[in-house]
Amino acid sequence: RVAPSLARIAALCDLMAEPQRSAPVVT
């Protein structure tokens, strides 16, 4: 099911000190 928003995952990443920026990414 789709809940089209990045708000929740962005909020979690902010609380975790932005781990998604800790290394280069291939998507």
mmCIF file of all heavy atoms, coordinates in Angstrom:
data_MODEL
# 
_entry.id   MODEL 
# 
loop_
_atom_site.group_PDB 
_atom_site.id 
_atom_site.type_symbol 
_atom_site.label_atom_id 
_atom_site.label_alt_id 
_atom_site.label_comp_id 
_atom_site.label_asym_id 
_atom_site.label_entity_id 
_atom_site.label_seq_id 
_atom_site.pdbx_PDB_ins_code 
_atom_site.Cartn_x 
_atom_site.Cartn_y 
_atom_site.Cartn_z 
_atom_site.occupancy 
_atom_site.B_iso_or_equiv 
_atom_site.pdbx_formal_charge 
_atom_site.auth_seq_id 
_atom_site.auth_comp_id 
_atom_site.auth_asym_id 
_atom_site.auth_atom_id 
_atom_site.pdbx_PDB_model_num 
ATOM 1   N N   . ARG A 1 1  ? 0.854  -1.192 0.000  1.00 0.00 ? 1  ARG A N   1 
ATOM 2   C CA  . ARG A 1 1  ? 0.000  0.000  0.000  1.00 0.00 ? 1  ARG A CA  1 
ATOM 3   C C   . ARG A 1 1  ? 0.884  1.234  0.000  1.00 0.00 ? 1  ARG A C   1 
ATOM 4   O O   . ARG A 1 1  ? 1.933  1.267  0.632  1.00 0.00 ? 1  ARG A O   1 
ATOM 5   C CB  . ARG A 1 1  ? -0.913 0.007  1.226  1.00 0.00 ? 1  ARG A CB  1 
ATOM 6   C CG  . ARG A 1 1  ? -1.937 -1.107 1.232  1.00 0.00 ? 1  ARG A CG  1 
ATOM 7   C CD  . ARG A 1 1  ? -2.800 -1.067 2.477  1.00 0.00 ? 1  ARG A CD  1 
ATOM 8   N NE  . ARG A 1 1  ? -3.598 0.153  2.555  1.00 0.00 ? 1  ARG A NE  1 
ATOM 9   C CZ  . ARG A 1 1  ? -4.349 0.478  3.611  1.00 0.00 ? 1  ARG A CZ  1 
ATOM 10  N NH1 . ARG A 1 1  ? -4.386 -0.321 4.667  1.00 0.00 ? 1  ARG A NH1 1 
ATOM 11  N NH2 . ARG A 1 1  ? -5.044 1.584  3.609  1.00 0.00 ? 1  ARG A NH2 1 
ATOM 12  N N   . VAL A 1 2  ? 0.457  2.246  -0.730 1.00 0.00 ? 2  VAL A N   1 
ATOM 13  C CA  . VAL A 1 2  ? 1.287  3.430  -0.904 1.00 0.00 ? 2  VAL A CA  1 
ATOM 14  C C   . VAL A 1 2  ? 0.777  4.560  -0.025 1.00 0.00 ? 2  VAL A C   1 
ATOM 15  O O   . VAL A 1 2  ? -0.409 4.887  -0.037 1.00 0.00 ? 2  VAL A O   1 
ATOM 16  C CB  . VAL A 1 2  ? 1.297  3.884  -2.383 1.00 0.00 ? 2  VAL A CB  1 
ATOM 17  C CG1 . VAL A 1 2  ? 2.083  5.170  -2.535 1.00 0.00 ? 2  VAL A CG1 1 
ATOM 18  C CG2 . VAL A 1 2  ? 1.898  2.789  -3.259 1.00 0.00 ? 2  VAL A CG2 1 
ATOM 19  N N   . ALA A 1 3  ? 1.682  5.145  0.759  1.00 0.00 ? 3  ALA A N   1 
ATOM 20  C CA  . ALA A 1 3  ? 1.378  6.359  1.521  1.00 0.00 ? 3  ALA A CA  1 
ATOM 21  C C   . ALA A 1 3  ? 2.361  7.419  1.015  1.00 0.00 ? 3  ALA A C   1 
ATOM 22  O O   . ALA A 1 3  ? 3.438  7.594  1.566  1.00 0.00 ? 3  ALA A O   1 
ATOM 23  C CB  . ALA A 1 3  ? 1.555  6.119  3.013  1.00 0.00 ? 3  ALA A CB  1 
ATOM 24  N N   . PRO A 1 4  ? 2.040  8.091  -0.105 1.00 0.00 ? 4  PRO A N   1 
ATOM 25  C CA  . PRO A 1 4  ? 3.028  8.878  -0.854 1.00 0.00 ? 4  PRO A CA  1 
ATOM 26  C C   . PRO A 1 4  ? 3.513  10.131 -0.120 1.00 0.00 ? 4  PRO A C   1 
ATOM 27  O O   . PRO A 1 4  ? 2.944  11.216 -0.239 1.00 0.00 ? 4  PRO A O   1 
ATOM 28  C CB  . PRO A 1 4  ? 2.287  9.240  -2.139 1.00 0.00 ? 4  PRO A CB  1 
ATOM 29  C CG  . PRO A 1 4  ? 0.845  9.210  -1.781 1.00 0.00 ? 4  PRO A CG  1 
ATOM 30  C CD  . PRO A 1 4  ? 0.712  8.137  -0.733 1.00 0.00 ? 4  PRO A CD  1 
ATOM 31  N N   . SER A 1 5  ? 4.561  9.951  0.636  1.00 0.00 ? 5  SER A N   1 
ATOM 32  C CA  . SER A 1 5  ? 5.183  11.048 1.360  1.00 0.00 ? 5  SER A CA  1 
ATOM 33  C C   . SER A 1 5  ? 6.549  10.606 1.825  1.00 0.00 ? 5  SER A C   1 
ATOM 34  O O   . SER A 1 5  ? 6.736  9.435  2.193  1.00 0.00 ? 5  SER A O   1 
ATOM 35  C CB  . SER A 1 5  ? 4.328  11.455 2.570  1.00 0.00 ? 5  SER A CB  1 
ATOM 36  O OG  . SER A 1 5  ? 5.038  12.365 3.384  1.00 0.00 ? 5  SER A OG  1 
ATOM 37  N N   . LEU A 1 6  ? 7.507  11.511 1.811  1.00 0.00 ? 6  LEU A N   1 
ATOM 38  C CA  . LEU A 1 6  ? 8.826  11.247 2.391  1.00 0.00 ? 6  LEU A CA  1 
ATOM 39  C C   . LEU A 1 6  ? 8.937  11.854 3.785  1.00 0.00 ? 6  LEU A C   1 
ATOM 40  O O   . LEU A 1 6  ? 9.993  11.785 4.405  1.00 0.00 ? 6  LEU A O   1 
ATOM 41  C CB  . LEU A 1 6  ? 9.926  11.814 1.488  1.00 0.00 ? 6  LEU A CB  1 
ATOM 42  C CG  . LEU A 1 6  ? 10.052 11.183 0.099  1.00 0.00 ? 6  LEU A CG  1 
ATOM 43  C CD1 . LEU A 1 6  ? 11.190 11.848 -0.676 1.00 0.00 ? 6  LEU A CD1 1 
ATOM 44  C CD2 . LEU A 1 6  ? 10.280 9.680  0.194  1.00 0.00 ? 6  LEU A CD2 1 
ATOM 45  N N   . ALA A 1 7  ? 7.849  12.416 4.299  1.00 0.00 ? 7  ALA A N   1 
ATOM 46  C CA  . ALA A 1 7  ? 7.908  13.132 5.574  1.00 0.00 ? 7  ALA A CA  1 
ATOM 47  C C   . ALA A 1 7  ? 8.297  12.207 6.722  1.00 0.00 ? 7  ALA A C   1 
ATOM 48  O O   . ALA A 1 7  ? 9.114  12.562 7.578  1.00 0.00 ? 7  ALA A O   1 
ATOM 49  C CB  . ALA A 1 7  ? 6.558  13.796 5.856  1.00 0.00 ? 7  ALA A CB  1 
ATOM 50  N N   . ARG A 1 8  ? 7.710  11.002 6.766  1.00 0.00 ? 8  ARG A N   1 
ATOM 51  C CA  . ARG A 1 8  ? 7.964  10.113 7.896  1.00 0.00 ? 8  ARG A CA  1 
ATOM 52  C C   . ARG A 1 8  ? 9.389  9.565  7.876  1.00 0.00 ? 8  ARG A C   1 
ATOM 53  O O   . ARG A 1 8  ? 10.085 9.574  8.899  1.00 0.00 ? 8  ARG A O   1 
ATOM 54  C CB  . ARG A 1 8  ? 6.949  8.966  7.895  1.00 0.00 ? 8  ARG A CB  1 
ATOM 55  C CG  . ARG A 1 8  ? 5.510  9.433  8.195  1.00 0.00 ? 8  ARG A CG  1 
ATOM 56  C CD  . ARG A 1 8  ? 4.514  8.304  8.025  1.00 0.00 ? 8  ARG A CD  1 
ATOM 57  N NE  . ARG A 1 8  ? 4.459  7.835  6.646  1.00 0.00 ? 8  ARG A NE  1 
ATOM 58  C CZ  . ARG A 1 8  ? 3.733  8.401  5.690  1.00 0.00 ? 8  ARG A CZ  1 
ATOM 59  N NH1 . ARG A 1 8  ? 2.974  9.461  5.964  1.00 0.00 ? 8  ARG A NH1 1 
ATOM 60  N NH2 . ARG A 1 8  ? 3.746  7.935  4.451  1.00 0.00 ? 8  ARG A NH2 1 
ATOM 61  N N   . ILE A 1 9  ? 9.859  9.082  6.733  1.00 0.00 ? 9  ILE A N   1 
ATOM 62  C CA  . ILE A 1 9  ? 11.216 8.549  6.666  1.00 0.00 ? 9  ILE A CA  1 
ATOM 63  C C   . ILE A 1 9  ? 12.231 9.664  6.857  1.00 0.00 ? 9  ILE A C   1 
ATOM 64  O O   . ILE A 1 9  ? 13.276 9.471  7.499  1.00 0.00 ? 9  ILE A O   1 
ATOM 65  C CB  . ILE A 1 9  ? 11.451 7.784  5.341  1.00 0.00 ? 9  ILE A CB  1 
ATOM 66  C CG1 . ILE A 1 9  ? 12.849 7.152  5.324  1.00 0.00 ? 9  ILE A CG1 1 
ATOM 67  C CG2 . ILE A 1 9  ? 11.249 8.673  4.144  1.00 0.00 ? 9  ILE A CG2 1 
ATOM 68  C CD1 . ILE A 1 9  ? 13.097 6.120  6.382  1.00 0.00 ? 9  ILE A CD1 1 
ATOM 69  N N   . ALA A 1 10 ? 11.932 10.868 6.361  1.00 0.00 ? 10 ALA A N   1 
ATOM 70  C CA  . ALA A 1 10 ? 12.843 11.996 6.568  1.00 0.00 ? 10 ALA A CA  1 
ATOM 71  C C   . ALA A 1 10 ? 12.933 12.369 8.043  1.00 0.00 ? 10 ALA A C   1 
ATOM 72  O O   . ALA A 1 10 ? 14.015 12.677 8.561  1.00 0.00 ? 10 ALA A O   1 
ATOM 73  C CB  . ALA A 1 10 ? 12.385 13.203 5.743  1.00 0.00 ? 10 ALA A CB  1 
ATOM 74  N N   . ALA A 1 11 ? 11.789 12.300 8.728  1.00 0.00 ? 11 ALA A N   1 
ATOM 75  C CA  . ALA A 1 11 ? 11.787 12.609 10.163 1.00 0.00 ? 11 ALA A CA  1 
ATOM 76  C C   . ALA A 1 11 ? 12.612 11.579 10.936 1.00 0.00 ? 11 ALA A C   1 
ATOM 77  O O   . ALA A 1 11 ? 13.364 11.926 11.852 1.00 0.00 ? 11 ALA A O   1 
ATOM 78  C CB  . ALA A 1 11 ? 10.353 12.651 10.681 1.00 0.00 ? 11 ALA A CB  1 
ATOM 79  N N   . LEU A 1 12 ? 12.467 10.296 10.578 1.00 0.00 ? 12 LEU A N   1 
ATOM 80  C CA  . LEU A 1 12 ? 13.251 9.264  11.250 1.00 0.00 ? 12 LEU A CA  1 
ATOM 81  C C   . LEU A 1 12 ? 14.745 9.454  10.986 1.00 0.00 ? 12 LEU A C   1 
ATOM 82  O O   . LEU A 1 12 ? 15.566 9.369  11.914 1.00 0.00 ? 12 LEU A O   1 
ATOM 83  C CB  . LEU A 1 12 ? 12.808 7.879  10.776 1.00 0.00 ? 12 LEU A CB  1 
ATOM 84  C CG  . LEU A 1 12 ? 13.587 6.704  11.369 1.00 0.00 ? 12 LEU A CG  1 
ATOM 85  C CD1 . LEU A 1 12 ? 13.412 6.641  12.888 1.00 0.00 ? 12 LEU A CD1 1 
ATOM 86  C CD2 . LEU A 1 12 ? 13.167 5.382  10.715 1.00 0.00 ? 12 LEU A CD2 1 
ATOM 87  N N   . CYS A 1 13 ? 15.101 9.730  9.739  1.00 0.00 ? 13 CYS A N   1 
ATOM 88  C CA  . CYS A 1 13 ? 16.509 9.928  9.410  1.00 0.00 ? 13 CYS A CA  1 
ATOM 89  C C   . CYS A 1 13 ? 17.081 11.131 10.147 1.00 0.00 ? 13 CYS A C   1 
ATOM 90  O O   . CYS A 1 13 ? 18.245 11.117 10.582 1.00 0.00 ? 13 CYS A O   1 
ATOM 91  C CB  . CYS A 1 13 ? 16.680 10.096 7.900  1.00 0.00 ? 13 CYS A CB  1 
ATOM 92  S SG  . CYS A 1 13 ? 16.460 8.557  6.966  1.00 0.00 ? 13 CYS A SG  1 
ATOM 93  N N   . ASP A 1 14 ? 16.268 12.160 10.325 1.00 0.00 ? 14 ASP A N   1 
ATOM 94  C CA  . ASP A 1 14 ? 16.725 13.334 11.074 1.00 0.00 ? 14 ASP A CA  1 
ATOM 95  C C   . ASP A 1 14 ? 17.032 12.955 12.528 1.00 0.00 ? 14 ASP A C   1 
ATOM 96  O O   . ASP A 1 14 ? 18.055 13.373 13.086 1.00 0.00 ? 14 ASP A O   1 
ATOM 97  C CB  . ASP A 1 14 ? 15.653 14.424 11.021 1.00 0.00 ? 14 ASP A CB  1 
ATOM 98  C CG  . ASP A 1 14 ? 16.101 15.692 11.716 1.00 0.00 ? 14 ASP A CG  1 
ATOM 99  O OD1 . ASP A 1 14 ? 17.122 16.277 11.299 1.00 0.00 ? 14 ASP A OD1 1 
ATOM 100 O OD2 . ASP A 1 14 ? 15.435 16.104 12.687 1.00 0.00 ? 14 ASP A OD2 1 
ATOM 101 N N   . LEU A 1 15 ? 16.170 12.149 13.137 1.00 0.00 ? 15 LEU A N   1 
ATOM 102 C CA  . LEU A 1 15 ? 16.401 11.699 14.514 1.00 0.00 ? 15 LEU A CA  1 
ATOM 103 C C   . LEU A 1 15 ? 17.637 10.805 14.617 1.00 0.00 ? 15 LEU A C   1 
ATOM 104 O O   . LEU A 1 15 ? 18.286 10.741 15.667 1.00 0.00 ? 15 LEU A O   1 
ATOM 105 C CB  . LEU A 1 15 ? 15.178 10.954 15.038 1.00 0.00 ? 15 LEU A CB  1 
ATOM 106 C CG  . LEU A 1 15 ? 13.916 11.789 15.271 1.00 0.00 ? 15 LEU A CG  1 
ATOM 107 C CD1 . LEU A 1 15 ? 12.730 10.880 15.600 1.00 0.00 ? 15 LEU A CD1 1 
ATOM 108 C CD2 . LEU A 1 15 ? 14.132 12.805 16.381 1.00 0.00 ? 15 LEU A CD2 1 
ATOM 109 N N   . MET A 1 16 ? 17.976 10.111 13.528 1.00 0.00 ? 16 MET A N   1 
ATOM 110 C CA  . MET A 1 16 ? 19.128 9.211  13.521 1.00 0.00 ? 16 MET A CA  1 
ATOM 111 C C   . MET A 1 16 ? 20.397 9.889  13.024 1.00 0.00 ? 16 MET A C   1 
ATOM 112 O O   . MET A 1 16 ? 21.392 9.224  12.748 1.00 0.00 ? 16 MET A O   1 
ATOM 113 C CB  . MET A 1 16 ? 18.832 7.980  12.650 1.00 0.00 ? 16 MET A CB  1 
ATOM 114 C CG  . MET A 1 16 ? 17.735 7.086  13.194 1.00 0.00 ? 16 MET A CG  1 
ATOM 115 S SD  . MET A 1 16 ? 17.641 5.465  12.345 1.00 0.00 ? 16 MET A SD  1 
ATOM 116 C CE  . MET A 1 16 ? 17.290 5.974  10.668 1.00 0.00 ? 16 MET A CE  1 
ATOM 117 N N   . ALA A 1 17 ? 20.372 11.207 12.860 1.00 0.00 ? 17 ALA A N   1 
ATOM 118 C CA  . ALA A 1 17 ? 21.544 11.978 12.396 1.00 0.00 ? 17 ALA A CA  1 
ATOM 119 C C   . ALA A 1 17 ? 21.918 11.664 10.952 1.00 0.00 ? 17 ALA A C   1 
ATOM 120 O O   . ALA A 1 17 ? 23.090 11.550 10.599 1.00 0.00 ? 17 ALA A O   1 
ATOM 121 C CB  . ALA A 1 17 ? 22.733 11.768 13.327 1.00 0.00 ? 17 ALA A CB  1 
ATOM 122 N N   . GLU A 1 18 ? 20.901 11.521 10.100 1.00 0.00 ? 18 GLU A N   1 
ATOM 123 C CA  . GLU A 1 18 ? 21.056 11.413 8.657  1.00 0.00 ? 18 GLU A CA  1 
ATOM 124 C C   . GLU A 1 18 ? 21.966 10.260 8.209  1.00 0.00 ? 18 GLU A C   1 
ATOM 125 O O   . GLU A 1 18 ? 22.955 10.472 7.482  1.00 0.00 ? 18 GLU A O   1 
ATOM 126 C CB  . GLU A 1 18 ? 21.591 12.746 8.086  1.00 0.00 ? 18 GLU A CB  1 
ATOM 127 C CG  . GLU A 1 18 ? 20.769 13.966 8.447  1.00 0.00 ? 18 GLU A CG  1 
ATOM 128 C CD  . GLU A 1 18 ? 19.404 13.979 7.760  1.00 0.00 ? 18 GLU A CD  1 
ATOM 129 O OE1 . GLU A 1 18 ? 19.231 13.263 6.772  1.00 0.00 ? 18 GLU A OE1 1 
ATOM 130 O OE2 . GLU A 1 18 ? 18.512 14.723 8.223  1.00 0.00 ? 18 GLU A OE2 1 
ATOM 131 N N   . PRO A 1 19 ? 21.685 9.048  8.602  1.00 0.00 ? 19 PRO A N   1 
ATOM 132 C CA  . PRO A 1 19 ? 22.554 7.938  8.188  1.00 0.00 ? 19 PRO A CA  1 
ATOM 133 C C   . PRO A 1 19 ? 22.550 7.684  6.689  1.00 0.00 ? 19 PRO A C   1 
ATOM 134 O O   . PRO A 1 19 ? 23.493 7.075  6.162  1.00 0.00 ? 19 PRO A O   1 
ATOM 135 C CB  . PRO A 1 19 ? 21.969 6.739  8.948  1.00 0.00 ? 19 PRO A CB  1 
ATOM 136 C CG  . PRO A 1 19 ? 20.526 7.084  9.138  1.00 0.00 ? 19 PRO A CG  1 
ATOM 137 C CD  . PRO A 1 19 ? 20.516 8.573  9.376  1.00 0.00 ? 19 PRO A CD  1 
ATOM 138 N N   . GLN A 1 20 ? 21.507 8.124  5.990  1.00 0.00 ? 20 GLN A N   1 
ATOM 139 C CA  . GLN A 1 20 ? 21.446 7.921  4.538  1.00 0.00 ? 20 GLN A CA  1 
ATOM 140 C C   . GLN A 1 20 ? 22.497 8.738  3.804  1.00 0.00 ? 20 GLN A C   1 
ATOM 141 O O   . GLN A 1 20 ? 22.729 8.521  2.604  1.00 0.00 ? 20 GLN A O   1 
ATOM 142 C CB  . GLN A 1 20 ? 20.041 8.253  4.014  1.00 0.00 ? 20 GLN A CB  1 
ATOM 143 C CG  . GLN A 1 20 ? 19.726 9.731  3.807  1.00 0.00 ? 20 GLN A CG  1 
ATOM 144 C CD  . GLN A 1 20 ? 19.312 10.447 5.087  1.00 0.00 ? 20 GLN A CD  1 
ATOM 145 O OE1 . GLN A 1 20 ? 19.572 9.969  6.196  1.00 0.00 ? 20 GLN A OE1 1 
ATOM 146 N NE2 . GLN A 1 20 ? 18.651 11.576 4.939  1.00 0.00 ? 20 GLN A NE2 1 
ATOM 147 N N   . ARG A 1 21 ? 23.158 9.652  4.513  1.00 0.00 ? 21 ARG A N   1 
ATOM 148 C CA  . ARG A 1 21 ? 24.211 10.465 3.898  1.00 0.00 ? 21 ARG A CA  1 
ATOM 149 C C   . ARG A 1 21 ? 25.608 9.992  4.291  1.00 0.00 ? 21 ARG A C   1 
ATOM 150 O O   . ARG A 1 21 ? 26.597 10.663 3.993  1.00 0.00 ? 21 ARG A O   1 
ATOM 151 C CB  . ARG A 1 21 ? 24.036 11.933 4.303  1.00 0.00 ? 21 ARG A CB  1 
ATOM 152 C CG  . ARG A 1 21 ? 22.669 12.504 3.964  1.00 0.00 ? 21 ARG A CG  1 
ATOM 153 C CD  . ARG A 1 21 ? 22.583 13.998 4.245  1.00 0.00 ? 21 ARG A CD  1 
ATOM 154 N NE  . ARG A 1 21 ? 21.221 14.478 4.147  1.00 0.00 ? 21 ARG A NE  1 
ATOM 155 C CZ  . ARG A 1 21 ? 20.590 14.733 3.002  1.00 0.00 ? 21 ARG A CZ  1 
ATOM 156 N NH1 . ARG A 1 21 ? 21.222 14.552 1.856  1.00 0.00 ? 21 ARG A NH1 1 
ATOM 157 N NH2 . ARG A 1 21 ? 19.339 15.164 3.010  1.00 0.00 ? 21 ARG A NH2 1 
ATOM 158 N N   . SER A 1 22 ? 25.692 8.827  4.933  1.00 0.00 ? 22 SER A N   1 
ATOM 159 C CA  . SER A 1 22 ? 26.978 8.371  5.450  1.00 0.00 ? 22 SER A CA  1 
ATOM 160 C C   . SER A 1 22 ? 27.860 7.712  4.401  1.00 0.00 ? 22 SER A C   1 
ATOM 161 O O   . SER A 1 22 ? 29.036 7.447  4.656  1.00 0.00 ? 22 SER A O   1 
ATOM 162 C CB  . SER A 1 22 ? 26.753 7.397  6.620  1.00 0.00 ? 22 SER A CB  1 
ATOM 163 O OG  . SER A 1 22 ? 26.038 6.241  6.190  1.00 0.00 ? 22 SER A OG  1 
ATOM 164 N N   . ALA A 1 23 ? 27.316 7.433  3.219  1.00 0.00 ? 23 ALA A N   1 
ATOM 165 C CA  . ALA A 1 23 ? 28.100 6.819  2.143  1.00 0.00 ? 23 ALA A CA  1 
ATOM 166 C C   . ALA A 1 23 ? 27.406 7.109  0.813  1.00 0.00 ? 23 ALA A C   1 
ATOM 167 O O   . ALA A 1 23 ? 26.196 7.359  0.783  1.00 0.00 ? 23 ALA A O   1 
ATOM 168 C CB  . ALA A 1 23 ? 28.226 5.314  2.359  1.00 0.00 ? 23 ALA A CB  1 
ATOM 169 N N   . PRO A 1 24 ? 28.154 7.088  -0.297 1.00 0.00 ? 24 PRO A N   1 
ATOM 170 C CA  . PRO A 1 24 ? 27.527 7.263  -1.617 1.00 0.00 ? 24 PRO A CA  1 
ATOM 171 C C   . PRO A 1 24 ? 26.475 6.188  -1.872 1.00 0.00 ? 24 PRO A C   1 
ATOM 172 O O   . PRO A 1 24 ? 26.615 5.053  -1.406 1.00 0.00 ? 24 PRO A O   1 
ATOM 173 C CB  . PRO A 1 24 ? 28.699 7.136  -2.592 1.00 0.00 ? 24 PRO A CB  1 
ATOM 174 C CG  . PRO A 1 24 ? 29.915 7.396  -1.779 1.00 0.00 ? 24 PRO A CG  1 
ATOM 175 C CD  . PRO A 1 24 ? 29.609 6.909  -0.400 1.00 0.00 ? 24 PRO A CD  1 
ATOM 176 N N   . VAL A 1 25 ? 25.450 6.555  -2.642 1.00 0.00 ? 25 VAL A N   1 
ATOM 177 C CA  . VAL A 1 25 ? 24.293 5.679  -2.840 1.00 0.00 ? 25 VAL A CA  1 
ATOM 178 C C   . VAL A 1 25 ? 24.062 5.406  -4.321 1.00 0.00 ? 25 VAL A C   1 
ATOM 179 O O   . VAL A 1 25 ? 24.157 6.315  -5.155 1.00 0.00 ? 25 VAL A O   1 
ATOM 180 C CB  . VAL A 1 25 ? 23.029 6.316  -2.231 1.00 0.00 ? 25 VAL A CB  1 
ATOM 181 C CG1 . VAL A 1 25 ? 21.783 5.500  -2.567 1.00 0.00 ? 25 VAL A CG1 1 
ATOM 182 C CG2 . VAL A 1 25 ? 23.175 6.456  -0.718 1.00 0.00 ? 25 VAL A CG2 1 
ATOM 183 N N   . VAL A 1 26 ? 23.747 4.148  -4.620 1.00 0.00 ? 26 VAL A N   1 
ATOM 184 C CA  . VAL A 1 26 ? 23.201 3.748  -5.916 1.00 0.00 ? 26 VAL A CA  1 
ATOM 185 C C   . VAL A 1 26 ? 21.783 3.262  -5.656 1.00 0.00 ? 26 VAL A C   1 
ATOM 186 O O   . VAL A 1 26 ? 21.569 2.379  -4.817 1.00 0.00 ? 26 VAL A O   1 
ATOM 187 C CB  . VAL A 1 26 ? 24.011 2.605  -6.567 1.00 0.00 ? 26 VAL A CB  1 
ATOM 188 C CG1 . VAL A 1 26 ? 23.393 2.211  -7.903 1.00 0.00 ? 26 VAL A CG1 1 
ATOM 189 C CG2 . VAL A 1 26 ? 25.458 3.007  -6.748 1.00 0.00 ? 26 VAL A CG2 1 
ATOM 190 N N   . THR A 1 27 ? 20.816 3.826  -6.353 1.00 0.00 ? 27 THR A N   1 
ATOM 191 C CA  . THR A 1 27 ? 19.418 3.411  -6.208 1.00 0.00 ? 27 THR A CA  1 
ATOM 192 C C   . THR A 1 27 ? 18.949 2.788  -7.510 1.00 0.00 ? 27 THR A C   1 
ATOM 193 O O   . THR A 1 27 ? 19.248 3.307  -8.593 1.00 0.00 ? 27 THR A O   1 
ATOM 194 C CB  . THR A 1 27 ? 18.520 4.603  -5.836 1.00 0.00 ? 27 THR A CB  1 
ATOM 195 O OG1 . THR A 1 27 ? 18.996 5.190  -4.629 1.00 0.00 ? 27 THR A OG1 1 
ATOM 196 C CG2 . THR A 1 27 ? 17.090 4.163  -5.635 1.00 0.00 ? 27 THR A CG2 1 
# 
